[in-house]
Amino acid sequence: MPKEVIHSKYTPDLESTYVQVGWTRGNEHVEIATVAPTGRLAIFDPDTGTHILTESVTPGWFMQLDRNGINQMIRVLRRARDQAFGEDA
């Protein structure tokens, strides 16, 4: 199963929480996950500019999306990106 990993702007090191996208050809879904590889979650506190580490019972949260769910996520992410940073040229 191919997998792609996306690291946070605030925690770019390999030991921090990241997003993982995995898929298999011909499968009924694509899996997205937020993963805490050490079993600990780093929560960014914008008020102090620091990270707070918390213990996690599970290494992450996994969700399976069908084609419609992925299309909806793409639309929402594009809208969020454009409103946060402005539209691409």
PDB file of N, CA and C in Angstrom:
ATOM      1  N   MET A   1       0.849  -1.177   0.000  1.00  0.00           N
ATOM      2  CA  MET A   1       0.000   0.000   0.000  1.00  0.00           C
ATOM      3  C   MET A   1       0.889   1.233   0.000  1.00  0.00           C
ATOM      4  N   PRO A   2       0.800   2.079  -1.036  1.00  0.00           N
ATOM      5  CA  PRO A   2       1.558   3.331  -1.024  1.00  0.00           C
ATOM      6  C   PRO A   2       1.087   4.224   0.117  1.00  0.00           C
ATOM      7  N   LYS A   3       2.022   4.964   0.687  1.00  0.00           N
ATOM      8  CA  LYS A   3       1.693   5.901   1.757  1.00  0.00           C
ATOM      9  C   LYS A   3       2.483   7.175   1.560  1.00  0.00           C
ATOM     10  N   GLU A   4       1.843   8.283   1.844  1.00  0.00           N
ATOM     11  CA  GLU A   4       2.497   9.591   1.829  1.00  0.00           C
ATOM     12  C   GLU A   4       2.345  10.193   3.217  1.00  0.00           C
ATOM     13  N   VAL A   5       3.372  10.920   3.659  1.00  0.00           N
ATOM     14  CA  VAL A   5       3.379  11.522   4.990  1.00  0.00           C
ATOM     15  C   VAL A   5       3.496  13.035   4.849  1.00  0.00           C
ATOM     16  N   ILE A   6       2.711  13.763   5.644  1.00  0.00           N
ATOM     17  CA  ILE A   6       2.741  15.224   5.638  1.00  0.00           C
ATOM     18  C   ILE A   6       2.996  15.681   7.067  1.00  0.00           C
ATOM     19  N   HIS A   7       4.091  16.427   7.257  1.00  0.00           N
ATOM     20  CA  HIS A   7       4.455  16.912   8.593  1.00  0.00           C
ATOM     21  C   HIS A   7       3.877  18.307   8.836  1.00  0.00           C
ATOM     22  N   SER A   8       3.675  18.612  10.098  1.00  0.00           N
ATOM     23  CA  SER A   8       3.154  19.911  10.506  1.00  0.00           C
ATOM     24  C   SER A   8       4.190  21.003  10.313  1.00  0.00           C
ATOM     25  N   LYS A   9       3.718  22.193  10.050  1.00  0.00           N
ATOM     26  CA  LYS A   9       4.593  23.363   9.985  1.00  0.00           C
ATOM     27  C   LYS A   9       5.287  23.577  11.328  1.00  0.00           C
ATOM     28  N   TYR A  10       4.588  23.280  12.413  1.00  0.00           N
ATOM     29  CA  TYR A  10       5.094  23.575  13.753  1.00  0.00           C
ATOM     30  C   TYR A  10       5.909  22.443  14.364  1.00  0.00           C
ATOM     31  N   THR A  11       5.751  21.216  13.858  1.00  0.00           N
ATOM     32  CA  THR A  11       6.516  20.085  14.382  1.00  0.00           C
ATOM     33  C   THR A  11       7.032  19.244  13.216  1.00  0.00           C
ATOM     34  N   PRO A  12       8.055  19.736  12.498  1.00  0.00           N
ATOM     35  CA  PRO A  12       8.507  19.056  11.286  1.00  0.00           C
ATOM     36  C   PRO A  12       9.409  17.841  11.515  1.00  0.00           C
ATOM     37  N   ASP A  13       9.778  17.537  12.758  1.00  0.00           N
ATOM     38  CA  ASP A  13      10.699  16.421  12.980  1.00  0.00           C
ATOM     39  C   ASP A  13       9.960  15.088  12.862  1.00  0.00           C
ATOM     40  N   LEU A  14      10.707  14.016  12.686  1.00  0.00           N
ATOM     41  CA  LEU A  14      10.125  12.708  12.442  1.00  0.00           C
ATOM     42  C   LEU A  14       9.459  12.098  13.669  1.00  0.00           C
ATOM     43  N   GLU A  15       9.713  12.603  14.850  1.00  0.00           N
ATOM     44  CA  GLU A  15       9.116  12.058  16.064  1.00  0.00           C
ATOM     45  C   GLU A  15       7.798  12.715  16.420  1.00  0.00           C
ATOM     46  N   SER A  16       7.372  13.704  15.659  1.00  0.00           N
ATOM     47  CA  SER A  16       6.140  14.421  15.991  1.00  0.00           C
ATOM     48  C   SER A  16       4.955  13.835  15.225  1.00  0.00           C
ATOM     49  N   THR A  17       3.775  14.269  15.610  1.00  0.00           N
ATOM     50  CA  THR A  17       2.545  13.831  14.963  1.00  0.00           C
ATOM     51  C   THR A  17       2.549  14.266  13.500  1.00  0.00           C
ATOM     52  N   TYR A  18       2.034  13.406  12.629  1.00  0.00           N
ATOM     53  CA  TYR A  18       1.967  13.717  11.212  1.00  0.00           C
ATOM     54  C   TYR A  18       0.684  13.155  10.615  1.00  0.00           C
ATOM     55  N   VAL A  19       0.365  13.573   9.383  1.00  0.00           N
ATOM     56  CA  VAL A  19      -0.767  13.039   8.640  1.00  0.00           C
ATOM     57  C   VAL A  19      -0.229  12.011   7.648  1.00  0.00           C
ATOM     58  N   GLN A  20      -0.926  10.901   7.556  1.00  0.00           N
ATOM     59  CA  GLN A  20      -0.545   9.837   6.625  1.00  0.00           C
ATOM     60  C   GLN A  20      -1.726   9.549   5.702  1.00  0.00           C
ATOM     61  N   VAL A  21      -1.449   9.395   4.405  1.00  0.00           N
ATOM     62  CA  VAL A  21      -2.467   9.026   3.425  1.00  0.00           C
ATOM     63  C   VAL A  21      -2.010   7.726   2.779  1.00  0.00           C
ATOM     64  N   GLY A  22      -2.877   6.718   2.799  1.00  0.00           N
ATOM     65  CA  GLY A  22      -2.544   5.418   2.212  1.00  0.00           C
ATOM     66  C   GLY A  22      -3.659   4.936   1.301  1.00  0.00           C
ATOM     67  N   TRP A  23      -3.302   4.151   0.284  1.00  0.00           N
ATOM     68  CA  TRP A  23      -4.295   3.658  -0.659  1.00  0.00           C
ATOM     69  C   TRP A  23      -3.795   2.398  -1.333  1.00  0.00           C
ATOM     70  N   THR A  24      -4.728   1.667  -1.919  1.00  0.00           N
ATOM     71  CA  THR A  24      -4.442   0.483  -2.714  1.00  0.00           C
ATOM     72  C   THR A  24      -5.299   0.552  -3.969  1.00  0.00           C
ATOM     73  N   ARG A  25      -4.726   0.228  -5.109  1.00  0.00           N
ATOM     74  CA  ARG A  25      -5.501   0.246  -6.356  1.00  0.00           C
ATOM     75  C   ARG A  25      -6.670  -0.729  -6.251  1.00  0.00           C
ATOM     76  N   GLY A  26      -7.837  -0.275  -6.705  1.00  0.00           N
ATOM     77  CA  GLY A  26      -9.001  -1.141  -6.737  1.00  0.00           C
ATOM     78  C   GLY A  26      -9.685  -1.304  -5.388  1.00  0.00           C
ATOM     79  N   ASN A  27      -9.175  -0.650  -4.361  1.00  0.00           N
ATOM     80  CA  ASN A  27      -9.787  -0.743  -3.042  1.00  0.00           C
ATOM     81  C   ASN A  27     -10.995   0.187  -2.984  1.00  0.00           C
ATOM     82  N   GLU A  28     -11.843  -0.005  -2.025  1.00  0.00           N
ATOM     83  CA  GLU A  28     -13.061   0.783  -1.896  1.00  0.00           C
ATOM     84  C   GLU A  28     -12.845   2.098  -1.145  1.00  0.00           C
ATOM     85  N   HIS A  29     -11.629   2.334  -0.660  1.00  0.00           N
ATOM     86  CA  HIS A  29     -11.402   3.541   0.132  1.00  0.00           C
ATOM     87  C   HIS A  29      -9.934   3.961   0.096  1.00  0.00           C
ATOM     88  N   VAL A  30      -9.715   5.203   0.533  1.00  0.00           N
ATOM     89  CA  VAL A  30      -8.386   5.741   0.806  1.00  0.00           C
ATOM     90  C   VAL A  30      -8.366   6.022   2.300  1.00  0.00           C
ATOM     91  N   GLU A  31      -7.257   5.708   2.961  1.00  0.00           N
ATOM     92  CA  GLU A  31      -7.179   5.897   4.407  1.00  0.00           C
ATOM     93  C   GLU A  31      -6.352   7.132   4.734  1.00  0.00           C
ATOM     94  N   ILE A  32      -6.908   7.988   5.589  1.00  0.00           N
ATOM     95  CA  ILE A  32      -6.147   9.114   6.111  1.00  0.00           C
ATOM     96  C   ILE A  32      -6.006   8.908   7.607  1.00  0.00           C
ATOM     97  N   ALA A  33      -4.913   9.411   8.165  1.00  0.00           N
ATOM     98  CA  ALA A  33      -4.682   9.229   9.593  1.00  0.00           C
ATOM     99  C   ALA A  33      -3.846  10.360  10.145  1.00  0.00           C
ATOM    100  N   THR A  34      -4.086  10.680  11.399  1.00  0.00           N
ATOM    101  CA  THR A  34      -3.139  11.481  12.156  1.00  0.00           C
ATOM    102  C   THR A  34      -2.430  10.493  13.053  1.00  0.00           C
ATOM    103  N   VAL A  35      -1.116  10.484  12.990  1.00  0.00           N
ATOM    104  CA  VAL A  35      -0.324   9.457  13.664  1.00  0.00           C
ATOM    105  C   VAL A  35       0.623  10.095  14.665  1.00  0.00           C
ATOM    106  N   ALA A  36       0.680   9.510  15.854  1.00  0.00           N
ATOM    107  CA  ALA A  36       1.629   9.922  16.886  1.00  0.00           C
ATOM    108  C   ALA A  36       2.617   8.764  17.052  1.00  0.00           C
ATOM    109  N   PRO A  37       3.738   8.786  16.340  1.00  0.00           N
ATOM    110  CA  PRO A  37       4.627   7.623  16.287  1.00  0.00           C
ATOM    111  C   PRO A  37       5.204   7.207  17.630  1.00  0.00           C
ATOM    112  N   THR A  38       5.332   8.106  18.554  1.00  0.00           N
ATOM    113  CA  THR A  38       5.889   7.752  19.856  1.00  0.00           C
ATOM    114  C   THR A  38       4.798   7.435  20.864  1.00  0.00           C
ATOM    115  N   GLY A  39       3.532   7.476  20.429  1.00  0.00           N
ATOM    116  CA  GLY A  39       2.429   7.289  21.358  1.00  0.00           C
ATOM    117  C   GLY A  39       2.127   8.548  22.144  1.00  0.00           C
ATOM    118  N   ARG A  40       2.813   9.637  21.795  1.00  0.00           N
ATOM    119  CA  ARG A  40       2.585  10.926  22.458  1.00  0.00           C
ATOM    120  C   ARG A  40       2.148  11.936  21.423  1.00  0.00           C
ATOM    121  N   LEU A  41       1.228  12.776  21.797  1.00  0.00           N
ATOM    122  CA  LEU A  41       0.749  13.818  20.902  1.00  0.00           C
ATOM    123  C   LEU A  41       1.354  15.152  21.304  1.00  0.00           C
ATOM    124  N   ALA A  42       1.865  15.898  20.329  1.00  0.00           N
ATOM    125  CA  ALA A  42       2.390  17.236  20.581  1.00  0.00           C
ATOM    126  C   ALA A  42       1.330  18.244  20.171  1.00  0.00           C
ATOM    127  N   ILE A  43       0.811  18.972  21.133  1.00  0.00           N
ATOM    128  CA  ILE A  43      -0.209  19.979  20.867  1.00  0.00           C
ATOM    129  C   ILE A  43       0.446  21.348  20.914  1.00  0.00           C
ATOM    130  N   PHE A  44       0.313  22.099  19.824  1.00  0.00           N
ATOM    131  CA  PHE A  44       0.932  23.418  19.734  1.00  0.00           C
ATOM    132  C   PHE A  44       0.064  24.440  20.447  1.00  0.00           C
ATOM    133  N   ASP A  45       0.657  25.219  21.324  1.00  0.00           N
ATOM    134  CA  ASP A  45      -0.038  26.288  22.045  1.00  0.00           C
ATOM    135  C   ASP A  45       0.381  27.617  21.427  1.00  0.00           C
ATOM    136  N   PRO A  46      -0.486  28.236  20.604  1.00  0.00           N
ATOM    137  CA  PRO A  46      -0.099  29.477  19.920  1.00  0.00           C
ATOM    138  C   PRO A  46       0.124  30.645  20.870  1.00  0.00           C
ATOM    139  N   ASP A  47      -0.485  30.607  22.060  1.00  0.00           N
ATOM    140  CA  ASP A  47      -0.300  31.694  23.017  1.00  0.00           C
ATOM    141  C   ASP A  47       1.130  31.752  23.549  1.00  0.00           C
ATOM    142  N   THR A  48       1.724  30.575  23.780  1.00  0.00           N
ATOM    143  CA  THR A  48       3.085  30.534  24.312  1.00  0.00           C
ATOM    144  C   THR A  48       4.125  30.195  23.251  1.00  0.00           C
ATOM    145  N   GLY A  49       3.657  29.683  22.082  1.00  0.00           N
ATOM    146  CA  GLY A  49       4.588  29.285  21.031  1.00  0.00           C
ATOM    147  C   GLY A  49       5.328  28.005  21.360  1.00  0.00           C
ATOM    148  N   THR A  50       4.794  27.208  22.272  1.00  0.00           N
ATOM    149  CA  THR A  50       5.443  25.960  22.680  1.00  0.00           C
ATOM    150  C   THR A  50       4.527  24.771  22.392  1.00  0.00           C
ATOM    151  N   HIS A  51       5.093  23.587  22.550  1.00  0.00           N
ATOM    152  CA  HIS A  51       4.333  22.355  22.377  1.00  0.00           C
ATOM    153  C   HIS A  51       4.100  21.705  23.726  1.00  0.00           C
ATOM    154  N   ILE A  52       2.914  21.163  23.894  1.00  0.00           N
ATOM    155  CA  ILE A  52       2.576  20.430  25.107  1.00  0.00           C
ATOM    156  C   ILE A  52       2.465  18.969  24.716  1.00  0.00           C
ATOM    157  N   LEU A  53       3.237  18.092  25.350  1.00  0.00           N
ATOM    158  CA  LEU A  53       3.188  16.667  25.038  1.00  0.00           C
ATOM    159  C   LEU A  53       2.159  15.983  25.924  1.00  0.00           C
ATOM    160  N   THR A  54       1.306  15.179  25.307  1.00  0.00           N
ATOM    161  CA  THR A  54       0.313  14.421  26.049  1.00  0.00           C
ATOM    162  C   THR A  54       0.459  12.944  25.699  1.00  0.00           C
ATOM    163  N   GLU A  55       0.132  12.075  26.637  1.00  0.00           N
ATOM    164  CA  GLU A  55       0.173  10.639  26.383  1.00  0.00           C
ATOM    165  C   GLU A  55      -1.042  10.229  25.550  1.00  0.00           C
ATOM    166  N   SER A  56      -0.878   9.268  24.675  1.00  0.00           N
ATOM    167  CA  SER A  56      -1.962   8.790  23.832  1.00  0.00           C
ATOM    168  C   SER A  56      -2.090   7.283  23.987  1.00  0.00           C
ATOM    169  N   VAL A  57      -3.307   6.817  24.159  1.00  0.00           N
ATOM    170  CA  VAL A  57      -3.534   5.384  24.280  1.00  0.00           C
ATOM    171  C   VAL A  57      -3.335   4.705  22.932  1.00  0.00           C
ATOM    172  N   THR A  58      -3.744   5.382  21.859  1.00  0.00           N
ATOM    173  CA  THR A  58      -3.579   4.835  20.512  1.00  0.00           C
ATOM    174  C   THR A  58      -2.572   5.687  19.762  1.00  0.00           C
ATOM    175  N   PRO A  59      -1.907   5.109  18.762  1.00  0.00           N
ATOM    176  CA  PRO A  59      -0.898   5.876  18.018  1.00  0.00           C
ATOM    177  C   PRO A  59      -1.469   6.871  17.035  1.00  0.00           C
ATOM    178  N   GLY A  60      -2.777   6.941  16.872  1.00  0.00           N
ATOM    179  CA  GLY A  60      -3.351   7.893  15.939  1.00  0.00           C
ATOM    180  C   GLY A  60      -4.815   7.628  15.695  1.00  0.00           C
ATOM    181  N   TRP A  61      -5.380   8.433  14.807  1.00  0.00           N
ATOM    182  CA  TRP A  61      -6.780   8.274  14.419  1.00  0.00           C
ATOM    183  C   TRP A  61      -6.812   7.992  12.929  1.00  0.00           C
ATOM    184  N   PHE A  62      -7.479   6.911  12.542  1.00  0.00           N
ATOM    185  CA  PHE A  62      -7.536   6.468  11.157  1.00  0.00           C
ATOM    186  C   PHE A  62      -8.960   6.556  10.645  1.00  0.00           C
ATOM    187  N   MET A  63      -9.109   6.989   9.382  1.00  0.00           N
ATOM    188  CA  MET A  63     -10.424   7.128   8.779  1.00  0.00           C
ATOM    189  C   MET A  63     -10.344   6.710   7.320  1.00  0.00           C
ATOM    190  N   GLN A  64     -11.353   5.979   6.862  1.00  0.00           N
ATOM    191  CA  GLN A  64     -11.412   5.553   5.479  1.00  0.00           C
ATOM    192  C   GLN A  64     -12.437   6.412   4.744  1.00  0.00           C
ATOM    193  N   LEU A  65     -12.017   6.961   3.607  1.00  0.00           N
ATOM    194  CA  LEU A  65     -12.885   7.812   2.795  1.00  0.00           C
ATOM    195  C   LEU A  65     -13.113   7.172   1.430  1.00  0.00           C
ATOM    196  N   ASP A  66     -14.358   7.252   0.938  1.00  0.00           N
ATOM    197  CA  ASP A  66     -14.636   6.836  -0.429  1.00  0.00           C
ATOM    198  C   ASP A  66     -14.384   8.023  -1.360  1.00  0.00           C
ATOM    199  N   ARG A  67     -14.654   7.828  -2.637  1.00  0.00           N
ATOM    200  CA  ARG A  67     -14.381   8.887  -3.623  1.00  0.00           C
ATOM    201  C   ARG A  67     -15.125  10.184  -3.280  1.00  0.00           C
ATOM    202  N   ASN A  68     -16.403  10.091  -2.895  1.00  0.00           N
ATOM    203  CA  ASN A  68     -17.169  11.285  -2.550  1.00  0.00           C
ATOM    204  C   ASN A  68     -16.577  11.993  -1.330  1.00  0.00           C
ATOM    205  N   GLY A  69     -16.168  11.240  -0.331  1.00  0.00           N
ATOM    206  CA  GLY A  69     -15.554  11.842   0.857  1.00  0.00           C
ATOM    207  C   GLY A  69     -14.253  12.554   0.532  1.00  0.00           C
ATOM    208  N   ILE A  70     -13.446  11.954  -0.343  1.00  0.00           N
ATOM    209  CA  ILE A  70     -12.184  12.580  -0.749  1.00  0.00           C
ATOM    210  C   ILE A  70     -12.457  13.869  -1.520  1.00  0.00           C
ATOM    211  N   ASN A  71     -13.422  13.832  -2.437  1.00  0.00           N
ATOM    212  CA  ASN A  71     -13.758  15.035  -3.199  1.00  0.00           C
ATOM    213  C   ASN A  71     -14.241  16.153  -2.278  1.00  0.00           C
ATOM    214  N   GLN A  72     -15.040  15.811  -1.281  1.00  0.00           N
ATOM    215  CA  GLN A  72     -15.506  16.812  -0.326  1.00  0.00           C
ATOM    216  C   GLN A  72     -14.327  17.387   0.456  1.00  0.00           C
ATOM    217  N   MET A  73     -13.392  16.525   0.891  1.00  0.00           N
ATOM    218  CA  MET A  73     -12.224  17.004   1.632  1.00  0.00           C
ATOM    219  C   MET A  73     -11.371  17.930   0.769  1.00  0.00           C
ATOM    220  N   ILE A  74     -11.189  17.588  -0.496  1.00  0.00           N
ATOM    221  CA  ILE A  74     -10.413  18.436  -1.401  1.00  0.00           C
ATOM    222  C   ILE A  74     -11.058  19.809  -1.532  1.00  0.00           C
ATOM    223  N   ARG A  75     -12.386  19.841  -1.700  1.00  0.00           N
ATOM    224  CA  ARG A  75     -13.082  21.129  -1.814  1.00  0.00           C
ATOM    225  C   ARG A  75     -12.924  21.966  -0.547  1.00  0.00           C
ATOM    226  N   VAL A  76     -13.063  21.317   0.611  1.00  0.00           N
ATOM    227  CA  VAL A  76     -12.928  22.038   1.883  1.00  0.00           C
ATOM    228  C   VAL A  76     -11.504  22.545   2.066  1.00  0.00           C
ATOM    229  N   LEU A  77     -10.498  21.716   1.755  1.00  0.00           N
ATOM    230  CA  LEU A  77      -9.103  22.140   1.900  1.00  0.00           C
ATOM    231  C   LEU A  77      -8.772  23.294   0.952  1.00  0.00           C
ATOM    232  N   ARG A  78      -9.269  23.246  -0.268  1.00  0.00           N
ATOM    233  CA  ARG A  78      -9.033  24.351  -1.209  1.00  0.00           C
ATOM    234  C   ARG A  78      -9.665  25.644  -0.704  1.00  0.00           C
ATOM    235  N   ARG A  79     -10.904  25.547  -0.204  1.00  0.00           N
ATOM    236  CA  ARG A  79     -11.574  26.736   0.322  1.00  0.00           C
ATOM    237  C   ARG A  79     -10.810  27.281   1.534  1.00  0.00           C
ATOM    238  N   ALA A  80     -10.385  26.407   2.428  1.00  0.00           N
ATOM    239  CA  ALA A  80      -9.626  26.838   3.605  1.00  0.00           C
ATOM    240  C   ALA A  80      -8.308  27.479   3.195  1.00  0.00           C
ATOM    241  N   ARG A  81      -7.604  26.851   2.247  1.00  0.00           N
ATOM    242  CA  ARG A  81      -6.327  27.407   1.765  1.00  0.00           C
ATOM    243  C   ARG A  81      -6.522  28.783   1.165  1.00  0.00           C
ATOM    244  N   ASP A  82      -7.511  28.924   0.289  1.00  0.00           N
ATOM    245  CA  ASP A  82      -7.743  30.189  -0.396  1.00  0.00           C
ATOM    246  C   ASP A  82      -8.144  31.288   0.587  1.00  0.00           C
ATOM    247  N   GLN A  83      -8.973  30.953   1.575  1.00  0.00           N
ATOM    248  CA  GLN A  83      -9.383  31.959   2.549  1.00  0.00           C
ATOM    249  C   GLN A  83      -8.257  32.304   3.518  1.00  0.00           C
ATOM    250  N   ALA A  84      -7.393  31.347   3.828  1.00  0.00           N
ATOM    251  CA  ALA A  84      -6.286  31.599   4.750  1.00  0.00           C
ATOM    252  C   ALA A  84      -5.122  32.325   4.093  1.00  0.00           C
ATOM    253  N   PHE A  85      -4.811  31.957   2.831  1.00  0.00           N
ATOM    254  CA  PHE A  85      -3.596  32.478   2.181  1.00  0.00           C
ATOM    255  C   PHE A  85      -3.865  33.289   0.926  1.00  0.00           C
ATOM    256  N   GLY A  86      -5.107  33.327   0.454  1.00  0.00           N
ATOM    257  CA  GLY A  86      -5.421  33.961  -0.816  1.00  0.00           C
ATOM    258  C   GLY A  86      -5.387  32.935  -1.933  1.00  0.00           C
ATOM    259  N   GLU A  87      -6.083  33.241  -3.005  1.00  0.00           N
ATOM    260  CA  GLU A  87      -6.159  32.305  -4.132  1.00  0.00           C
ATOM    261  C   GLU A  87      -4.845  32.251  -4.890  1.00  0.00           C
ATOM    262  N   ASP A  88      -4.558  31.063  -5.465  1.00  0.00           N
ATOM    263  CA  ASP A  88      -3.376  30.900  -6.303  1.00  0.00           C
ATOM    264  C   ASP A  88      -3.550  31.693  -7.594  1.00  0.00           C
ATOM    265  N   ALA A  89      -2.441  32.148  -8.136  1.00  0.00           N
ATOM    266  CA  ALA A  89      -2.489  32.934  -9.380  1.00  0.00           C
ATOM    267  C   ALA A  89      -2.842  32.071 -10.559  1.00  0.00           C
TER     268      ALA A  89
END
